[in-house]
Amino acid sequence: MEMLMALLYCFHQMAANLPFAPKTLTGNLDFFYALGIFGVIFVIFKRKKDISLLIICALPIAIYGILQGMTMVNLDIQKLMVNVSKITICISLMILVYRKVHDFKIKKFIDYVCRIYIIFTPMALIFSSNEYFWRLHDTINKYSLKRLNLFYIEPSELGFHLSFIIIILMYLIIVEKDKKINRKYIVYTVNCLILLVLSRAYGASVILLGTILSVSFVIIISKMNYKNILVGYGLTIIFTTIIIVSIVTKSSMYMRTVDTLNGSDSSNSYRVNVTQKFTSTAITNTGGIGVGLGNLNTESTRKIFKSTGMTAVVAASFPYFIAEGGVFAVVYLVILILFLLINVFYKKNMLLANLLLFSFLYQIYGGYFTNPVNWIIYGLILSKWTPEKIQEGNNINETKGII
């Protein structure tokens, strides 16, 4: 299972990144959807008691989509059906993980993923002009015209996937007692950070930094012991060094931060300001109904909301879903996030807290609501699996002070 998940994690967007792939299908050519379809079959035929869970999570969205289709004009029914189907598949994937992940060996998964990254890192550097590995002549990021995306559809997706792996690696480094294994995890982390730098994924990098610092600060304050304080000092030194080096070298990350703060970064300005405008306008103009699930990215919708400054639909998961689903989408998100938070607080674990916080923050102004990776994280959080299972053969009580 770990090998399959590692391959899917690294290559699930590969088909969409091929030069001959239809641009209109890039968001649907995701191998994780195939696993999600298996999840639907699994729920219906193998775990009938989970049908109720699938109904509770997916049926409201299906019913709301039907109501939108019946009451709204100029609605693209095909896009609506595709969107509802993708959300249902993601939910089934969450349920599949929720039920089957209890014996998942995360160390093996991380080993496989990081080895794949290490194998392809030198290949990407050697073939530095390859359009499959790299986004060349980037028109969005003026400071980095060349960005690495490896097997993913865009550099920001590479940063998104790397961030989850870095979060898990940092957890493993903290709890691992074997120095030899720890050195391996440090090598993995360094390689992932190199890839993150090459991707120039601004949003993922900033949110990853904020996530790690926020959760670490809460843990250190809540339990002041020697190990936690030592970890706090270590993190402070590392991130202070990174910030100083970025300022001195005037890296693209630093320059984009400066431009973002003074409002001159067109990409981030568009992502934040325009997203807020078209989301609020979509709710008010439709009386809270939304523009229709899957219908934000249509020619007719873009014309209607052109006055908000929207020239192209931006990747912003939560605002996108809210603009399409209206008040219903807001209620759905609140309930979903509350259930996830309850599970995180109940398990009181740094790893799950980091994973949820990063996923939540990233989706405010980035990502896609139908990205299967987020739903896999949700399934992991909701399941009976706890990160203490990582410590197979170790005394779990010895690590409780830092997790």
Protein backbone atom coordinates (compact mmCIF):
# COMPACT_ATOMS: atom_id res chain seq x y z
CA MET A 1 0.00 0.00 0.00
CA GLU A 2 2.80 2.43 0.91
CA MET A 3 4.52 2.01 -2.48
CA LEU A 4 1.26 2.57 -4.36
CA MET A 5 0.43 5.69 -2.36
CA ALA A 6 3.96 7.05 -2.85
CA LEU A 7 3.76 6.55 -6.63
CA LEU A 8 0.34 8.18 -6.73
CA TYR A 9 1.51 11.05 -4.54
CA CYS A 10 4.43 11.79 -6.86
CA PHE A 11 2.81 11.08 -10.23
CA HIS A 12 -0.97 11.51 -9.84
CA GLN A 13 -0.97 14.70 -11.95
CA MET A 14 1.53 13.39 -14.48
CA ALA A 15 -0.98 12.79 -17.30
CA ALA A 16 -2.24 16.37 -17.09
CA ASN A 17 1.32 17.68 -17.45
CA LEU A 18 2.04 15.90 -20.71
CA PRO A 19 2.46 18.27 -23.69
CA PHE A 20 -0.33 16.59 -25.69
CA ALA A 21 -2.85 16.54 -22.81
CA PRO A 22 -5.99 18.60 -23.55
CA LYS A 23 -5.81 21.81 -21.52
CA THR A 24 -9.53 21.60 -20.78
CA LEU A 25 -9.03 18.28 -18.99
CA THR A 26 -5.92 19.03 -16.93
CA GLY A 27 -7.91 19.33 -13.70
CA ASN A 28 -9.61 15.97 -14.28
CA LEU A 29 -6.59 13.90 -15.32
CA ASP A 30 -5.71 12.89 -11.77
CA PHE A 31 -4.86 9.28 -10.96
CA PHE A 32 -6.12 9.76 -7.40
CA TYR A 33 -9.62 10.03 -8.84
CA ALA A 34 -9.28 6.41 -10.00
CA LEU A 35 -8.50 5.43 -6.41
CA GLY A 36 -11.48 7.53 -5.31
CA ILE A 37 -13.77 5.63 -7.70
CA PHE A 38 -12.47 2.44 -6.11
CA GLY A 39 -13.39 4.04 -2.80
CA VAL A 40 -17.00 4.50 -3.99
CA ILE A 41 -17.15 0.83 -5.00
CA PHE A 42 -15.53 -0.18 -1.71
CA VAL A 43 -18.10 1.78 0.30
CA ILE A 44 -21.11 0.48 -1.64
CA PHE A 45 -20.21 -3.19 -1.93
CA LYS A 46 -17.70 -3.95 0.83
CA ARG A 47 -18.50 -1.63 3.73
CA LYS A 48 -22.22 -1.08 3.64
CA LYS A 49 -22.15 0.57 7.05
CA ASP A 50 -20.06 3.34 5.44
CA ILE A 51 -22.80 4.09 2.91
CA SER A 52 -24.49 6.25 5.53
CA LEU A 53 -21.27 8.25 5.94
CA LEU A 54 -20.99 8.74 2.18
CA ILE A 55 -24.64 9.80 2.06
CA ILE A 56 -24.21 12.28 4.94
CA CYS A 57 -21.15 13.88 3.31
CA ALA A 58 -21.98 13.72 -0.40
CA LEU A 59 -25.78 13.71 -0.70
CA PRO A 60 -26.24 17.35 0.47
CA ILE A 61 -23.86 18.52 -2.26
CA ALA A 62 -25.65 16.40 -4.89
CA ILE A 63 -29.08 17.69 -3.80
CA TYR A 64 -27.88 21.30 -3.77
CA GLY A 65 -26.38 20.84 -7.24
CA ILE A 66 -29.73 19.48 -8.50
CA LEU A 67 -31.58 22.42 -6.97
CA GLN A 68 -29.17 24.87 -8.62
CA GLY A 69 -29.67 23.10 -11.94
CA MET A 70 -33.46 23.33 -11.61
CA THR A 71 -33.69 26.97 -10.49
CA MET A 72 -30.81 28.80 -12.18
CA VAL A 73 -30.58 29.90 -15.81
CA ASN A 74 -27.49 29.80 -18.05
CA LEU A 75 -26.04 27.01 -15.94
CA ASP A 76 -23.61 24.57 -17.54
CA ILE A 77 -25.17 21.29 -16.40
CA GLN A 78 -22.23 19.24 -17.62
CA LYS A 79 -19.77 21.24 -15.50
CA LEU A 80 -22.12 20.99 -12.54
CA MET A 81 -22.33 17.19 -12.84
CA VAL A 82 -18.54 16.88 -13.21
CA ASN A 83 -17.93 19.06 -10.15
CA VAL A 84 -20.42 17.17 -7.96
CA SER A 85 -18.93 13.87 -9.15
CA LYS A 86 -15.38 14.99 -8.34
CA ILE A 87 -16.38 16.12 -4.84
CA THR A 88 -18.17 12.78 -4.28
CA ILE A 89 -15.06 10.89 -5.42
CA CYS A 90 -12.90 12.96 -3.06
CA ILE A 91 -15.28 12.22 -0.17
CA SER A 92 -15.15 8.49 -0.95
CA LEU A 93 -11.36 8.74 -0.97
CA MET A 94 -11.53 10.36 2.47
CA ILE A 95 -13.72 7.49 3.71
CA LEU A 96 -11.39 4.91 2.18
CA VAL A 97 -8.42 6.44 4.02
CA TYR A 98 -10.53 6.81 7.18
CA ARG A 99 -11.24 3.08 7.18
CA LYS A 100 -8.03 1.56 5.79
CA VAL A 101 -5.19 3.75 7.05
CA HIS A 102 -4.95 2.30 10.59
CA ASP A 103 -2.09 0.00 9.57
CA PHE A 104 -0.46 2.45 7.16
CA LYS A 105 3.34 2.59 7.57
CA ILE A 106 4.12 6.26 7.15
CA LYS A 107 7.90 5.70 7.41
CA LYS A 108 7.80 3.45 4.36
CA PHE A 109 5.63 5.95 2.50
CA ILE A 110 8.04 8.80 3.24
CA ASP A 111 11.02 6.66 2.23
CA TYR A 112 9.48 5.85 -1.14
CA VAL A 113 8.37 9.44 -1.84
CA CYS A 114 11.69 10.99 -0.87
CA ARG A 115 13.69 8.44 -2.87
CA ILE A 116 11.63 9.29 -5.94
CA TYR A 117 12.31 12.99 -5.36
CA ILE A 118 16.05 12.32 -4.88
CA ILE A 119 16.19 10.30 -8.11
CA PHE A 120 14.49 13.03 -10.15
CA THR A 121 16.24 16.04 -8.58
CA PRO A 122 19.53 15.59 -10.53
CA MET A 123 17.56 14.65 -13.65
CA ALA A 124 15.63 17.93 -13.44
CA LEU A 125 18.88 19.86 -12.93
CA ILE A 126 20.55 18.15 -15.89
CA PHE A 127 17.55 18.68 -18.17
CA SER A 128 17.06 22.25 -17.02
CA SER A 129 15.42 23.30 -20.30
CA ASN A 130 12.91 20.47 -20.35
CA GLU A 131 9.36 21.82 -20.47
CA TYR A 132 8.04 18.73 -18.69
CA PHE A 133 10.15 19.32 -15.56
CA TRP A 134 10.20 23.11 -15.67
CA ARG A 135 7.89 26.02 -16.31
CA LEU A 136 9.95 28.19 -18.65
CA HIS A 137 9.38 31.90 -19.26
CA ASP A 138 6.90 32.27 -16.40
CA THR A 139 4.68 35.27 -17.07
CA ILE A 140 3.27 35.45 -13.53
CA ASN A 141 6.32 35.58 -11.27
CA LYS A 142 8.51 38.40 -12.60
CA TYR A 143 11.41 37.52 -10.26
CA SER A 144 11.58 33.86 -11.26
CA LEU A 145 10.92 33.27 -14.93
CA LYS A 146 11.99 29.64 -14.64
CA ARG A 147 10.35 27.41 -12.03
CA LEU A 148 10.44 23.70 -11.31
CA ASN A 149 7.22 21.69 -11.37
CA LEU A 150 8.56 18.13 -11.82
CA PHE A 151 5.58 15.82 -12.44
CA TYR A 152 2.89 18.23 -11.26
CA ILE A 153 0.69 20.54 -13.30
CA GLU A 154 2.36 23.70 -11.99
CA PRO A 155 5.16 24.83 -9.63
CA SER A 156 2.70 25.78 -6.89
CA GLU A 157 1.42 22.19 -6.84
CA LEU A 158 4.98 20.93 -6.39
CA GLY A 159 5.34 23.31 -3.43
CA PHE A 160 2.00 22.13 -2.04
CA HIS A 161 3.01 18.45 -2.15
CA LEU A 162 6.51 19.11 -0.81
CA SER A 163 5.10 21.01 2.17
CA PHE A 164 3.19 18.00 3.49
CA ILE A 165 6.28 15.81 3.13
CA ILE A 166 8.47 18.39 4.91
CA ILE A 167 5.95 18.60 7.77
CA ILE A 168 6.03 14.81 8.22
CA LEU A 169 9.82 14.71 7.94
CA MET A 170 10.22 17.33 10.66
CA TYR A 171 7.96 15.28 12.91
CA LEU A 172 10.01 12.15 12.21
CA ILE A 173 13.27 13.97 12.96
CA ILE A 174 11.88 15.08 16.34
CA VAL A 175 10.57 11.69 17.47
CA GLU A 176 13.19 9.39 15.92
CA LYS A 177 15.76 8.00 18.38
CA ASP A 178 18.06 6.26 15.89
CA LYS A 179 20.75 8.76 14.82
CA LYS A 180 21.46 6.94 11.56
CA ILE A 181 17.81 7.07 10.53
CA ASN A 182 17.64 10.69 11.65
CA ARG A 183 20.51 11.59 9.35
CA LYS A 184 18.57 10.01 6.49
CA TYR A 185 15.52 12.13 7.29
CA ILE A 186 17.69 15.24 7.38
CA VAL A 187 19.00 14.42 3.89
CA TYR A 188 15.44 13.92 2.70
CA THR A 189 14.42 17.26 4.21
CA VAL A 190 17.32 19.12 2.61
CA ASN A 191 16.45 17.65 -0.80
CA CYS A 192 12.79 18.64 -0.39
CA LEU A 193 13.80 22.17 0.62
CA ILE A 194 16.01 22.42 -2.49
CA LEU A 195 13.06 21.39 -4.64
CA LEU A 196 10.85 23.90 -2.83
CA VAL A 197 13.35 26.68 -3.54
CA LEU A 198 13.54 25.68 -7.20
CA SER A 199 9.75 25.68 -7.49
CA ARG A 200 9.61 29.29 -6.21
CA ALA A 201 6.23 28.34 -4.72
CA TYR A 202 5.67 31.54 -2.75
CA GLY A 203 2.33 30.68 -1.15
CA ALA A 204 3.31 27.17 -0.08
CA SER A 205 6.64 28.37 1.34
CA VAL A 206 5.12 31.20 3.40
CA ILE A 207 2.26 29.07 4.70
CA LEU A 208 4.60 26.18 5.51
CA LEU A 209 6.80 28.52 7.52
CA GLY A 210 3.82 30.02 9.32
CA THR A 211 2.31 26.60 10.05
CA ILE A 212 5.46 25.13 11.58
CA LEU A 213 6.18 28.21 13.67
CA SER A 214 2.57 28.56 14.89
CA VAL A 215 2.10 24.96 15.99
CA SER A 216 5.60 24.75 17.45
CA PHE A 217 5.01 27.94 19.46
CA VAL A 218 1.74 26.57 20.89
CA ILE A 219 3.39 23.27 21.86
CA ILE A 220 6.40 24.94 23.45
CA ILE A 221 4.24 27.35 25.46
CA SER A 222 1.77 24.66 26.55
CA LYS A 223 4.48 22.32 27.81
CA MET A 224 7.68 24.01 28.84
CA ASN A 225 10.28 21.27 29.09
CA TYR A 226 13.91 20.97 28.05
CA LYS A 227 13.25 19.18 24.74
CA ASN A 228 10.54 21.56 23.63
CA ILE A 229 12.62 24.63 24.48
CA LEU A 230 15.58 23.14 22.61
CA VAL A 231 13.41 22.50 19.56
CA GLY A 232 12.11 26.07 19.82
CA TYR A 233 15.61 27.52 19.83
CA GLY A 234 16.60 25.29 16.92
CA LEU A 235 13.61 26.37 14.81
CA THR A 236 14.22 30.02 15.65
CA ILE A 237 17.87 29.81 14.58
CA ILE A 238 17.05 27.95 11.35
CA PHE A 239 14.28 30.26 10.20
CA THR A 240 16.12 33.42 11.29
CA THR A 241 19.09 32.29 9.20
CA ILE A 242 16.83 31.64 6.20
CA ILE A 243 15.25 35.10 6.50
CA ILE A 244 18.62 36.85 6.84
CA VAL A 245 20.07 35.00 3.83
CA SER A 246 16.94 35.86 1.79
CA ILE A 247 17.27 39.56 2.65
CA VAL A 248 21.01 39.73 2.00
CA THR A 249 20.78 37.90 -1.33
CA LYS A 250 17.54 39.68 -2.27
CA SER A 251 15.99 36.37 -3.22
CA SER A 252 12.80 36.21 -5.26
CA MET A 253 10.89 35.16 -2.14
CA TYR A 254 12.05 38.25 -0.26
CA MET A 255 11.38 40.58 -3.20
CA ARG A 256 7.89 39.15 -3.67
CA THR A 257 7.20 39.59 0.06
CA VAL A 258 8.22 43.25 -0.17
CA ASP A 259 6.05 43.76 -3.26
CA THR A 260 3.13 41.94 -1.64
CA LEU A 261 3.31 44.15 1.47
CA ASN A 262 3.38 47.36 -0.56
CA GLY A 263 0.69 46.09 -2.94
CA SER A 264 2.79 46.06 -6.11
CA ASP A 265 2.86 42.28 -6.63
CA SER A 266 0.21 41.83 -9.33
CA SER A 267 -0.12 38.07 -8.83
CA ASN A 268 -0.75 38.13 -5.09
CA SER A 269 -2.80 41.30 -5.35
CA TYR A 270 -5.05 39.64 -7.90
CA ARG A 271 -5.23 36.44 -5.88
CA VAL A 272 -6.29 38.23 -2.69
CA ASN A 273 -8.21 41.35 -3.74
CA VAL A 274 -10.01 40.04 -6.82
CA THR A 275 -10.82 36.73 -5.12
CA GLN A 276 -12.47 38.58 -2.24
CA LYS A 277 -14.42 40.80 -4.62
CA PHE A 278 -15.81 38.09 -6.88
CA THR A 279 -16.62 35.80 -3.94
CA SER A 280 -18.61 38.43 -2.06
CA THR A 281 -20.21 39.66 -5.29
CA ALA A 282 -21.19 36.11 -6.26
CA ILE A 283 -22.98 35.63 -2.94
CA THR A 284 -24.77 39.00 -2.91
CA ASN A 285 -25.75 38.99 -6.60
CA THR A 286 -27.22 35.49 -6.39
CA GLY A 287 -28.97 35.98 -3.06
CA GLY A 288 -26.65 33.52 -1.33
CA ILE A 289 -27.28 30.70 -3.84
CA GLY A 290 -23.91 30.92 -5.61
CA VAL A 291 -23.16 30.90 -9.33
CA GLY A 292 -23.53 27.13 -9.56
CA LEU A 293 -21.19 24.28 -8.67
CA GLY A 294 -18.53 23.99 -11.36
CA ASN A 295 -19.77 27.14 -13.11
CA LEU A 296 -17.33 29.80 -11.95
CA ASN A 297 -14.91 28.92 -14.71
CA THR A 298 -17.28 29.57 -17.61
CA GLU A 299 -17.31 32.33 -20.19
CA SER A 300 -20.73 33.63 -19.15
CA THR A 301 -19.75 33.83 -15.45
CA ARG A 302 -16.49 35.62 -16.22
CA LYS A 303 -18.37 38.22 -18.26
CA ILE A 304 -20.84 38.82 -15.43
CA PHE A 305 -18.07 39.34 -12.86
CA LYS A 306 -15.68 41.24 -15.12
CA SER A 307 -16.44 44.38 -13.11
CA THR A 308 -14.77 42.82 -10.07
CA GLY A 309 -11.49 42.66 -11.99
CA MET A 310 -11.69 38.93 -12.68
CA THR A 311 -9.94 38.24 -15.98
CA ALA A 312 -9.23 34.58 -15.24
CA VAL A 313 -10.32 32.22 -12.50
CA VAL A 314 -7.67 32.02 -9.82
CA ALA A 315 -6.83 28.82 -7.94
CA ALA A 316 -8.35 29.54 -4.53
CA SER A 317 -10.07 26.52 -3.03
CA PHE A 318 -12.42 27.86 -0.36
CA PRO A 319 -13.43 31.14 -2.11
CA TYR A 320 -13.98 29.19 -5.35
CA PHE A 321 -16.28 26.70 -3.59
CA ILE A 322 -18.12 29.47 -1.71
CA ALA A 323 -18.65 31.54 -4.87
CA GLU A 324 -20.17 28.51 -6.57
CA GLY A 325 -22.10 27.12 -3.60
CA GLY A 326 -23.07 30.29 -1.75
CA VAL A 327 -24.25 30.09 1.86
CA PHE A 328 -24.59 26.31 1.57
CA ALA A 329 -20.86 26.02 0.84
CA VAL A 330 -20.02 28.21 3.86
CA VAL A 331 -22.08 25.99 6.17
CA TYR A 332 -20.59 22.83 4.63
CA LEU A 333 -17.03 24.10 5.15
CA VAL A 334 -17.69 25.17 8.74
CA ILE A 335 -19.08 21.74 9.65
CA LEU A 336 -16.22 19.93 7.90
CA ILE A 337 -13.52 22.03 9.55
CA LEU A 338 -15.16 21.70 12.99
CA PHE A 339 -15.13 17.91 12.73
CA LEU A 340 -11.47 17.96 11.72
CA LEU A 341 -10.55 20.35 14.54
CA ILE A 342 -12.34 18.20 17.11
CA ASN A 343 -10.30 15.17 16.01
CA VAL A 344 -7.03 17.11 16.11
CA PHE A 345 -7.73 18.47 19.62
CA TYR A 346 -8.80 15.02 20.80
CA LYS A 347 -5.59 13.37 19.57
CA LYS A 348 -3.42 16.33 20.69
CA ASN A 349 -0.73 15.64 18.14
CA MET A 350 1.72 18.03 16.51
CA LEU A 351 1.81 16.20 13.18
CA LEU A 352 -1.96 16.19 12.63
CA ALA A 353 -2.20 19.81 13.79
CA ASN A 354 0.46 20.87 11.28
CA LEU A 355 -1.14 18.92 8.43
CA LEU A 356 -4.60 20.39 9.08
CA LEU A 357 -3.36 23.94 9.62
CA PHE A 358 -1.32 23.93 6.42
CA SER A 359 -4.18 22.43 4.39
CA PHE A 360 -6.64 24.97 5.80
CA LEU A 361 -4.43 28.05 5.32
CA TYR A 362 -3.34 27.01 1.84
CA GLN A 363 -6.93 26.66 0.64
CA ILE A 364 -7.91 30.19 1.70
CA TYR A 365 -6.14 31.73 -1.31
CA GLY A 366 -4.76 28.73 -3.18
CA GLY A 367 -5.33 25.18 -4.32
CA TYR A 368 -8.45 23.39 -5.48
CA PHE A 369 -11.39 22.15 -3.43
CA THR A 370 -11.39 18.91 -5.42
CA ASN A 371 -7.68 18.24 -4.88
CA PRO A 372 -7.67 14.62 -3.60
CA VAL A 373 -4.58 15.20 -1.43
CA ASN A 374 -6.52 17.48 0.94
CA TRP A 375 -9.22 14.85 1.32
CA ILE A 376 -6.62 12.17 2.05
CA ILE A 377 -5.35 14.41 4.85
CA TYR A 378 -8.94 14.75 6.11
CA GLY A 379 -9.32 10.96 6.14
CA LEU A 380 -6.05 10.61 8.02
CA ILE A 381 -7.19 13.08 10.68
CA LEU A 382 -10.64 11.50 11.07
CA SER A 383 -9.32 7.92 11.26
CA LYS A 384 -8.32 5.97 14.34
CA TRP A 385 -4.72 6.16 13.12
CA THR A 386 -2.43 8.15 15.38
CA PRO A 387 1.14 9.23 14.61
CA GLU A 388 2.33 7.29 17.67
CA LYS A 389 2.14 4.23 15.40
CA ILE A 390 5.27 5.62 13.75
CA GLN A 391 7.18 4.63 16.86
CA GLU A 392 6.88 0.90 16.28
CA GLY A 393 9.10 -0.88 18.75
CA ASN A 394 9.89 2.31 20.69
CA ASN A 395 8.63 3.47 24.03
CA ILE A 396 5.88 5.90 23.04
CA ASN A 397 5.81 7.48 26.46
CA GLU A 398 9.35 8.77 25.93
CA THR A 399 8.22 11.01 23.07
CA LYS A 400 5.00 12.38 24.52
CA GLY A 401 6.72 15.53 25.74
CA ILE A 402 7.34 16.76 22.20
CA ILE A 403 4.33 15.46 20.30
